Amino acid sequence: SVFSVMYCKLLQRHKVLQVFHTTVIEQCVFTVEEMMPHVAHLSGAVTKNLFLKDKKKKSLWLLSVRHDRQLNLSDVAKRLGLGSGNLRLADESLMLEKLKVGQGCATALALFCDTARCVRMVLDRDLTHGGRQRVYFHPMTNSATMGLNPGDLLRFLQETGHEPVVLSFD
């Protein structure tokens, strides 16, 4: 499938960048709640990822936060300077087009597919500056979870041209 091809491309990108990761295989999951029993034993931060669209400016955003964060998209929009109420979940077809992943697979690791750099990355400060040994994302598929150290994650994002906006959600 196209997703297994993209997974292989992601692994090749990590090899070139010397990004080291651990991968946990699980059954196919579509929500953080479904995923948690499979990853509860891991040390580090499991992420929740939302692919978002700004209604007015038509900009695209990928938001990655610690899995247990309660989010208010109006507040996030205001903090990004977009105006209250302008962020909403983007259509799956747009995510497939830009990131090559479908529902349940939104991930910062898919940003290497956004060669036009039209998706802006927003990261929870706790993921990068919270003293985590690993942060966990789906690797182009929702049947696995991949852990990277925060420095490698930041290097990966920078190499793809997606310098993240880092926000504190504490």
N, C-alpha and C. Protein backbone atom coordinates (compact mmCIF):
# COMPACT_ATOMS: atom_id res chain seq x y z
N SER A 1 0.84 -1.20 0.00
CA SER A 1 0.00 0.00 0.00
C SER A 1 0.87 1.25 0.00
N VAL A 2 0.25 2.38 -0.30
CA VAL A 2 0.98 3.65 -0.32
C VAL A 2 1.54 3.97 1.06
N PHE A 3 0.83 3.57 2.12
CA PHE A 3 1.29 3.88 3.46
C PHE A 3 2.55 3.09 3.82
N SER A 4 2.65 1.83 3.40
CA SER A 4 3.87 1.08 3.69
C SER A 4 5.05 1.63 2.90
N VAL A 5 4.80 2.13 1.71
CA VAL A 5 5.85 2.78 0.93
C VAL A 5 6.32 4.04 1.66
N MET A 6 5.39 4.82 2.17
CA MET A 6 5.74 6.06 2.88
C MET A 6 6.45 5.74 4.19
N TYR A 7 6.07 4.65 4.85
CA TYR A 7 6.75 4.23 6.08
C TYR A 7 8.21 3.90 5.76
N CYS A 8 8.44 3.19 4.68
CA CYS A 8 9.81 2.86 4.27
C CYS A 8 10.60 4.13 3.94
N LYS A 9 9.96 5.09 3.31
CA LYS A 9 10.63 6.36 3.00
C LYS A 9 10.98 7.11 4.30
N LEU A 10 10.09 7.05 5.28
CA LEU A 10 10.37 7.68 6.57
C LEU A 10 11.59 7.02 7.22
N LEU A 11 11.63 5.69 7.23
CA LEU A 11 12.77 4.98 7.82
C LEU A 11 14.07 5.33 7.09
N GLN A 12 14.00 5.46 5.77
CA GLN A 12 15.19 5.83 5.00
C GLN A 12 15.64 7.25 5.38
N ARG A 13 14.70 8.15 5.56
CA ARG A 13 15.02 9.53 5.96
C ARG A 13 15.70 9.53 7.32
N HIS A 14 15.19 8.74 8.25
CA HIS A 14 15.80 8.64 9.58
C HIS A 14 17.23 8.09 9.49
N LYS A 15 17.42 7.11 8.62
CA LYS A 15 18.76 6.52 8.47
C LYS A 15 19.75 7.57 7.96
N VAL A 16 19.36 8.32 6.95
CA VAL A 16 20.22 9.36 6.39
C VAL A 16 20.57 10.41 7.45
N LEU A 17 19.59 10.80 8.25
CA LEU A 17 19.79 11.82 9.29
C LEU A 17 20.41 11.25 10.56
N GLN A 18 20.58 9.95 10.61
CA GLN A 18 21.05 9.26 11.81
C GLN A 18 20.14 9.58 13.00
N VAL A 19 18.84 9.52 12.73
CA VAL A 19 17.82 9.67 13.78
C VAL A 19 17.53 8.27 14.30
N PHE A 20 17.74 8.08 15.58
CA PHE A 20 17.52 6.78 16.17
C PHE A 20 16.14 6.73 16.81
N HIS A 21 15.49 5.59 16.66
CA HIS A 21 14.11 5.47 17.14
C HIS A 21 13.86 4.06 17.65
N THR A 22 12.78 3.96 18.42
CA THR A 22 12.26 2.66 18.80
C THR A 22 10.86 2.57 18.22
N THR A 23 10.48 1.40 17.79
CA THR A 23 9.15 1.23 17.22
C THR A 23 8.42 0.12 17.96
N VAL A 24 7.17 0.40 18.31
CA VAL A 24 6.30 -0.57 18.98
C VAL A 24 5.17 -0.89 18.00
N ILE A 25 5.00 -2.16 17.69
CA ILE A 25 3.92 -2.58 16.79
C ILE A 25 2.68 -2.85 17.65
N GLU A 26 1.55 -2.38 17.18
CA GLU A 26 0.30 -2.55 17.91
C GLU A 26 -0.79 -2.86 16.89
N GLN A 27 -1.98 -3.10 17.35
CA GLN A 27 -3.07 -3.25 16.40
C GLN A 27 -3.46 -1.87 15.90
N CYS A 28 -4.19 -1.83 14.81
CA CYS A 28 -4.62 -0.57 14.22
C CYS A 28 -5.52 0.19 15.20
N VAL A 29 -5.17 1.45 15.49
CA VAL A 29 -5.95 2.27 16.42
C VAL A 29 -6.27 3.60 15.75
N PHE A 30 -7.39 4.21 16.15
CA PHE A 30 -7.80 5.47 15.54
C PHE A 30 -7.88 6.62 16.53
N THR A 31 -7.77 6.33 17.82
CA THR A 31 -7.83 7.38 18.82
C THR A 31 -6.72 7.15 19.85
N VAL A 32 -6.39 8.21 20.58
CA VAL A 32 -5.41 8.10 21.65
C VAL A 32 -5.89 7.10 22.69
N GLU A 33 -7.19 7.12 22.98
CA GLU A 33 -7.76 6.20 23.98
C GLU A 33 -7.55 4.75 23.57
N GLU A 34 -7.72 4.43 22.29
CA GLU A 34 -7.50 3.07 21.81
C GLU A 34 -6.02 2.69 21.87
N MET A 35 -5.14 3.67 21.69
CA MET A 35 -3.72 3.41 21.64
C MET A 35 -3.10 3.20 23.01
N MET A 36 -3.60 3.89 24.04
CA MET A 36 -2.92 3.92 25.33
C MET A 36 -2.66 2.54 25.96
N PRO A 37 -3.56 1.57 25.89
CA PRO A 37 -3.23 0.26 26.49
C PRO A 37 -1.99 -0.38 25.86
N HIS A 38 -1.70 -0.05 24.60
CA HIS A 38 -0.57 -0.65 23.89
C HIS A 38 0.76 0.05 24.20
N VAL A 39 0.68 1.30 24.69
CA VAL A 39 1.91 2.08 24.88
C VAL A 39 2.09 2.57 26.32
N ALA A 40 1.20 2.17 27.22
CA ALA A 40 1.26 2.64 28.61
C ALA A 40 2.58 2.26 29.29
N HIS A 41 3.22 1.20 28.84
CA HIS A 41 4.47 0.75 29.44
C HIS A 41 5.69 1.57 29.00
N LEU A 42 5.54 2.42 28.00
CA LEU A 42 6.67 3.18 27.48
C LEU A 42 7.01 4.36 28.38
N SER A 43 8.29 4.65 28.52
CA SER A 43 8.67 5.87 29.25
C SER A 43 8.88 6.97 28.22
N GLY A 44 8.32 8.11 28.52
CA GLY A 44 8.37 9.24 27.59
C GLY A 44 6.97 9.79 27.41
N ALA A 45 6.80 10.62 26.40
CA ALA A 45 5.52 11.28 26.15
C ALA A 45 4.88 10.75 24.88
N VAL A 46 3.68 10.23 25.01
CA VAL A 46 2.88 9.81 23.86
C VAL A 46 2.15 11.06 23.37
N THR A 47 2.05 11.21 22.06
CA THR A 47 1.46 12.43 21.49
C THR A 47 0.05 12.24 20.97
N LYS A 48 -0.65 13.36 20.97
CA LYS A 48 -1.95 13.49 20.29
C LYS A 48 -1.67 14.49 19.17
N ASN A 49 -2.13 14.19 17.96
CA ASN A 49 -1.81 15.01 16.79
C ASN A 49 -3.08 15.39 16.05
N LEU A 50 -3.22 16.67 15.76
CA LEU A 50 -4.40 17.18 15.06
C LEU A 50 -3.97 17.93 13.81
N PHE A 51 -4.58 17.59 12.69
CA PHE A 51 -4.33 18.29 11.43
C PHE A 51 -5.44 19.34 11.29
N LEU A 52 -5.05 20.60 11.27
CA LEU A 52 -6.00 21.71 11.39
C LEU A 52 -5.91 22.66 10.21
N LYS A 53 -7.02 23.37 10.01
CA LYS A 53 -7.09 24.38 8.95
C LYS A 53 -7.62 25.67 9.56
N ASP A 54 -7.00 26.77 9.17
CA ASP A 54 -7.49 28.09 9.56
C ASP A 54 -8.55 28.50 8.54
N LYS A 55 -9.78 28.71 9.01
CA LYS A 55 -10.90 29.01 8.11
C LYS A 55 -10.65 30.25 7.26
N LYS A 56 -10.12 31.31 7.87
CA LYS A 56 -9.99 32.58 7.15
C LYS A 56 -8.79 32.62 6.22
N LYS A 57 -7.62 32.24 6.75
CA LYS A 57 -6.40 32.38 5.96
C LYS A 57 -6.10 31.14 5.13
N LYS A 58 -6.89 30.10 5.33
CA LYS A 58 -6.72 28.84 4.60
C LYS A 58 -5.37 28.19 4.87
N SER A 59 -4.73 28.56 5.98
CA SER A 59 -3.44 27.95 6.32
C SER A 59 -3.67 26.59 6.99
N LEU A 60 -2.67 25.73 6.90
CA LEU A 60 -2.74 24.39 7.46
C LEU A 60 -1.76 24.26 8.62
N TRP A 61 -2.19 23.56 9.66
CA TRP A 61 -1.39 23.41 10.87
C TRP A 61 -1.42 21.96 11.32
N LEU A 62 -0.30 21.49 11.84
CA LEU A 62 -0.25 20.20 12.51
C LEU A 62 0.13 20.48 13.95
N LEU A 63 -0.74 20.11 14.86
CA LEU A 63 -0.55 20.35 16.28
C LEU A 63 -0.23 19.03 16.97
N SER A 64 0.93 18.96 17.63
CA SER A 64 1.33 17.77 18.38
C SER A 64 1.50 18.16 19.84
N VAL A 65 0.71 17.51 20.70
CA VAL A 65 0.74 17.78 22.13
C VAL A 65 0.80 16.47 22.89
N ARG A 66 1.14 16.58 24.17
CA ARG A 66 1.11 15.39 25.03
C ARG A 66 -0.30 14.81 25.01
N HIS A 67 -0.41 13.50 24.98
CA HIS A 67 -1.69 12.81 24.76
C HIS A 67 -2.77 13.18 25.76
N ASP A 68 -2.41 13.59 26.96
CA ASP A 68 -3.42 13.86 27.98
C ASP A 68 -3.83 15.33 28.07
N ARG A 69 -3.41 16.13 27.12
CA ARG A 69 -3.78 17.54 27.10
C ARG A 69 -5.24 17.73 26.69
N GLN A 70 -5.93 18.60 27.42
CA GLN A 70 -7.26 19.05 27.00
C GLN A 70 -7.03 20.29 26.14
N LEU A 71 -7.57 20.30 24.95
CA LEU A 71 -7.30 21.40 24.02
C LEU A 71 -8.55 22.22 23.76
N ASN A 72 -8.34 23.52 23.66
CA ASN A 72 -9.37 24.44 23.23
C ASN A 72 -8.83 25.08 21.96
N LEU A 73 -9.39 24.71 20.81
CA LEU A 73 -8.85 25.19 19.54
C LEU A 73 -8.98 26.70 19.38
N SER A 74 -9.99 27.31 20.00
CA SER A 74 -10.11 28.77 19.96
C SER A 74 -8.92 29.41 20.65
N ASP A 75 -8.54 28.85 21.80
CA ASP A 75 -7.39 29.37 22.54
C ASP A 75 -6.11 29.18 21.73
N VAL A 76 -5.95 28.00 21.14
CA VAL A 76 -4.76 27.74 20.32
C VAL A 76 -4.71 28.72 19.16
N ALA A 77 -5.83 28.95 18.50
CA ALA A 77 -5.89 29.89 17.37
C ALA A 77 -5.47 31.29 17.80
N LYS A 78 -5.98 31.74 18.94
CA LYS A 78 -5.61 33.07 19.45
C LYS A 78 -4.12 33.14 19.71
N ARG A 79 -3.56 32.11 20.32
CA ARG A 79 -2.14 32.10 20.65
C ARG A 79 -1.26 32.08 19.41
N LEU A 80 -1.80 31.57 18.31
CA LEU A 80 -1.06 31.56 17.04
C LEU A 80 -1.31 32.83 16.22
N GLY A 81 -2.14 33.73 16.77
CA GLY A 81 -2.44 34.98 16.07
C GLY A 81 -3.44 34.82 14.94
N LEU A 82 -4.26 33.77 15.01
CA LEU A 82 -5.22 33.49 13.93
C LEU A 82 -6.61 34.02 14.24
N GLY A 83 -6.85 34.45 15.46
CA GLY A 83 -8.20 34.90 15.83
C GLY A 83 -9.01 33.73 16.37
N SER A 84 -9.80 34.02 17.35
CA SER A 84 -10.60 33.01 18.03
C SER A 84 -11.57 32.31 17.08
N GLY A 85 -11.68 31.02 17.22
CA GLY A 85 -12.68 30.27 16.47
C GLY A 85 -12.32 29.96 15.03
N ASN A 86 -11.09 30.25 14.61
CA ASN A 86 -10.74 30.05 13.21
C ASN A 86 -10.12 28.69 12.90
N LEU A 87 -9.69 27.95 13.92
CA LEU A 87 -9.09 26.64 13.67
C LEU A 87 -10.13 25.54 13.78
N ARG A 88 -10.05 24.62 12.84
CA ARG A 88 -10.93 23.44 12.89
C ARG A 88 -10.16 22.26 12.30
N LEU A 89 -10.67 21.07 12.53
CA LEU A 89 -10.04 19.90 11.93
C LEU A 89 -10.15 20.00 10.41
N ALA A 90 -9.06 19.71 9.73
CA ALA A 90 -9.06 19.74 8.27
C ALA A 90 -9.63 18.43 7.74
N ASP A 91 -10.10 18.46 6.52
CA ASP A 91 -10.64 17.27 5.87
C ASP A 91 -9.56 16.22 5.67
N GLU A 92 -9.96 14.95 5.78
CA GLU A 92 -9.03 13.85 5.57
C GLU A 92 -8.41 13.92 4.18
N SER A 93 -9.17 14.33 3.17
CA SER A 93 -8.63 14.40 1.81
C SER A 93 -7.45 15.37 1.73
N LEU A 94 -7.51 16.45 2.48
CA LEU A 94 -6.42 17.42 2.51
C LEU A 94 -5.19 16.82 3.21
N MET A 95 -5.42 16.06 4.27
CA MET A 95 -4.32 15.41 4.97
C MET A 95 -3.66 14.35 4.07
N LEU A 96 -4.47 13.62 3.33
CA LEU A 96 -3.93 12.63 2.39
C LEU A 96 -3.09 13.32 1.32
N GLU A 97 -3.57 14.45 0.83
CA GLU A 97 -2.86 15.19 -0.22
C GLU A 97 -1.53 15.75 0.30
N LYS A 98 -1.54 16.37 1.45
CA LYS A 98 -0.36 17.09 1.95
C LYS A 98 0.61 16.20 2.72
N LEU A 99 0.09 15.27 3.53
CA LEU A 99 0.95 14.48 4.41
C LEU A 99 1.00 12.99 4.05
N LYS A 100 0.17 12.58 3.10
CA LYS A 100 0.15 11.18 2.65
C LYS A 100 -0.29 10.20 3.73
N VAL A 101 -1.07 10.68 4.70
CA VAL A 101 -1.63 9.81 5.73
C VAL A 101 -3.12 10.10 5.87
N GLY A 102 -3.85 9.09 6.36
CA GLY A 102 -5.29 9.22 6.50
C GLY A 102 -5.71 9.38 7.95
N GLN A 103 -7.00 9.27 8.17
CA GLN A 103 -7.59 9.42 9.50
C GLN A 103 -6.91 8.50 10.51
N GLY A 104 -6.62 9.05 11.69
CA GLY A 104 -5.98 8.28 12.74
C GLY A 104 -4.48 8.19 12.63
N CYS A 105 -3.91 8.80 11.58
CA CYS A 105 -2.46 8.69 11.34
C CYS A 105 -1.74 10.03 11.34
N ALA A 106 -2.41 11.12 11.70
CA ALA A 106 -1.75 12.43 11.72
C ALA A 106 -0.50 12.34 12.58
N THR A 107 0.62 12.85 12.07
CA THR A 107 1.89 12.72 12.77
C THR A 107 2.89 13.75 12.27
N ALA A 108 3.70 14.25 13.19
CA ALA A 108 4.79 15.16 12.81
C ALA A 108 5.77 14.46 11.88
N LEU A 109 5.84 13.14 11.96
CA LEU A 109 6.78 12.39 11.13
C LEU A 109 6.38 12.40 9.66
N ALA A 110 5.15 12.80 9.34
CA ALA A 110 4.70 12.86 7.95
C ALA A 110 5.10 14.17 7.27
N LEU A 111 5.67 15.09 8.02
CA LEU A 111 5.99 16.39 7.42
C LEU A 111 7.05 16.30 6.33
N PHE A 112 7.81 15.22 6.26
CA PHE A 112 8.76 15.08 5.15
C PHE A 112 8.02 14.97 3.81
N CYS A 113 6.73 14.61 3.85
CA CYS A 113 5.92 14.53 2.62
C CYS A 113 5.46 15.90 2.15
N ASP A 114 5.46 16.88 3.03
CA ASP A 114 5.02 18.24 2.69
C ASP A 114 6.19 19.02 2.11
N THR A 115 6.59 18.64 0.91
CA THR A 115 7.75 19.28 0.28
C THR A 115 7.47 20.73 -0.10
N ALA A 116 6.21 21.10 -0.25
CA ALA A 116 5.86 22.49 -0.56
C ALA A 116 5.86 23.36 0.70
N ARG A 117 5.99 22.71 1.86
CA ARG A 117 6.04 23.39 3.16
C ARG A 117 4.80 24.26 3.40
N CYS A 118 3.64 23.70 3.12
CA CYS A 118 2.41 24.46 3.37
C CYS A 118 1.78 24.17 4.72
N VAL A 119 2.32 23.20 5.46
CA VAL A 119 1.79 22.88 6.79
C VAL A 119 2.73 23.46 7.84
N ARG A 120 2.17 24.23 8.76
CA ARG A 120 2.95 24.78 9.88
C ARG A 120 2.86 23.82 11.05
N MET A 121 3.98 23.61 11.73
CA MET A 121 4.06 22.68 12.86
C MET A 121 3.97 23.43 14.18
N VAL A 122 3.11 22.94 15.08
CA VAL A 122 3.02 23.48 16.44
C VAL A 122 3.29 22.33 17.40
N LEU A 123 4.27 22.52 18.28
CA LEU A 123 4.66 21.50 19.24
C LEU A 123 4.41 21.95 20.66
N ASP A 124 3.93 21.04 21.46
CA ASP A 124 3.80 21.22 22.90
C ASP A 124 5.22 21.34 23.47
N ARG A 125 5.48 22.42 24.19
CA ARG A 125 6.80 22.65 24.77
C ARG A 125 7.24 21.48 25.66
N ASP A 126 6.29 20.80 26.29
CA ASP A 126 6.62 19.67 27.15
C ASP A 126 7.29 18.54 26.37
N LEU A 127 6.97 18.42 25.09
CA LEU A 127 7.57 17.36 24.27
C LEU A 127 9.04 17.62 24.01
N THR A 128 9.40 18.88 23.83
CA THR A 128 10.78 19.22 23.46
C THR A 128 11.63 19.68 24.64
N HIS A 129 11.00 20.27 25.65
CA HIS A 129 11.76 20.85 26.77
C HIS A 129 11.33 20.28 28.12
N GLY A 130 10.61 19.16 28.13
CA GLY A 130 10.09 18.60 29.37
C GLY A 130 10.96 17.51 29.98
N GLY A 131 12.18 17.37 29.48
CA GLY A 131 13.07 16.36 30.04
C GLY A 131 12.71 14.94 29.63
N ARG A 132 11.97 14.79 28.56
CA ARG A 132 11.54 13.47 28.07
C ARG A 132 12.70 12.76 27.38
N GLN A 133 12.84 11.46 27.64
CA GLN A 133 13.85 10.70 26.91
C GLN A 133 13.37 10.41 25.49
N ARG A 134 12.07 10.20 25.35
CA ARG A 134 11.48 9.90 24.04
C ARG A 134 10.11 10.56 23.92
N VAL A 135 9.78 10.90 22.69
CA VAL A 135 8.42 11.34 22.36
C VAL A 135 7.93 10.39 21.27
N TYR A 136 6.66 10.00 21.38
CA TYR A 136 6.12 8.93 20.53
C TYR A 136 5.06 9.44 19.57
N PHE A 137 5.20 9.03 18.31
CA PHE A 137 4.29 9.39 17.22
C PHE A 137 3.97 8.13 16.41
N HIS A 138 2.86 8.17 15.67
CA HIS A 138 2.64 7.13 14.67
C HIS A 138 3.63 7.37 13.53
N PRO A 139 4.22 6.31 12.99
CA PRO A 139 5.16 6.47 11.86
C PRO A 139 4.48 6.20 10.51
N MET A 140 3.56 7.07 10.10
CA MET A 140 2.86 6.96 8.82
C MET A 140 1.79 5.88 8.82
N THR A 141 1.63 5.19 9.92
CA THR A 141 0.61 4.16 10.05
C THR A 141 0.11 4.17 11.49
N ASN A 142 -1.17 3.84 11.67
CA ASN A 142 -1.70 3.81 13.03
C ASN A 142 -1.66 2.40 13.62
N SER A 143 -0.80 1.56 13.06
CA SER A 143 -0.60 0.22 13.63
C SER A 143 0.78 0.09 14.27
N ALA A 144 1.44 1.24 14.48
CA ALA A 144 2.74 1.25 15.16
C ALA A 144 2.93 2.61 15.82
N THR A 145 3.85 2.65 16.77
CA THR A 145 4.23 3.88 17.45
C THR A 145 5.74 3.96 17.44
N MET A 146 6.28 5.14 17.11
CA MET A 146 7.72 5.32 17.01
C MET A 146 8.16 6.37 18.02
N GLY A 147 9.21 6.05 18.77
CA GLY A 147 9.75 6.99 19.75
C GLY A 147 11.08 7.56 19.30
N LEU A 148 11.22 8.88 19.44
CA LEU A 148 12.46 9.57 19.11
C LEU A 148 12.86 10.42 20.30
N ASN A 149 14.16 10.71 20.42
CA ASN A 149 14.51 11.66 21.46
C ASN A 149 14.15 13.05 20.94
N PRO A 150 13.83 13.98 21.83
CA PRO A 150 13.35 15.31 21.40
C PRO A 150 14.32 16.04 20.48
N GLY A 151 15.62 15.90 20.71
CA GLY A 151 16.60 16.55 19.83
C GLY A 151 16.53 16.03 18.41
N ASP A 152 16.38 14.71 18.26
CA ASP A 152 16.25 14.13 16.92
C ASP A 152 14.96 14.57 16.26
N LEU A 153 13.88 14.67 17.03
CA LEU A 153 12.62 15.16 16.47
C LEU A 153 12.80 16.57 15.92
N LEU A 154 13.40 17.45 16.70
CA LEU A 154 13.60 18.83 16.25
C LEU A 154 14.50 18.89 15.01
N ARG A 155 15.53 18.08 14.99
CA ARG A 155 16.43 18.03 13.83
C ARG A 155 15.69 17.53 12.59
N PHE A 156 14.86 16.51 12.77
CA PHE A 156 14.05 15.98 11.67
C PHE A 156 13.13 17.07 11.11
N LEU A 157 12.43 17.79 12.00
CA LEU A 157 11.51 18.85 11.56
C LEU A 157 12.27 19.96 10.83
N GLN A 158 13.39 20.37 11.37
CA GLN A 158 14.18 21.43 10.73
C GLN A 158 14.67 20.98 9.36
N GLU A 159 15.09 19.73 9.25
CA GLU A 159 15.59 19.23 7.98
C GLU A 159 14.49 19.19 6.92
N THR A 160 13.25 19.00 7.35
CA THR A 160 12.13 18.98 6.40
C THR A 160 11.64 20.40 6.08
N GLY A 161 12.23 21.41 6.73
CA GLY A 161 11.81 22.79 6.49
C GLY A 161 10.61 23.20 7.32
N HIS A 162 10.36 22.50 8.42
CA HIS A 162 9.19 22.77 9.28
C HIS A 162 9.65 23.17 10.68
N GLU A 163 10.23 24.36 10.77
CA GLU A 163 10.65 24.89 12.08
C GLU A 163 9.40 25.04 12.93
N PRO A 164 9.32 24.34 14.05
CA PRO A 164 8.06 24.34 14.81
C PRO A 164 7.85 25.62 15.62
N VAL A 165 6.57 25.96 15.79
CA VAL A 165 6.15 26.93 16.77
C VAL A 165 5.99 26.12 18.05
N VAL A 166 6.69 26.50 19.11
CA VAL A 166 6.64 25.74 20.37
C VAL A 166 5.81 26.54 21.37
N LEU A 167 4.71 25.93 21.83
CA LEU A 167 3.80 26.58 22.79
C LEU A 167 3.75 25.78 24.08
N SER A 168 3.64 26.51 25.19
CA SER A 168 3.46 25.85 26.49
C SER A 168 1.96 25.66 26.73
N PHE A 169 1.58 24.44 27.10
CA PHE A 169 0.18 24.15 27.41
C PHE A 169 -0.04 23.90 28.89
N ASP A 170 0.99 24.20 29.71
CA ASP A 170 0.87 24.02 31.17
C ASP A 170 0.09 25.17 31.79
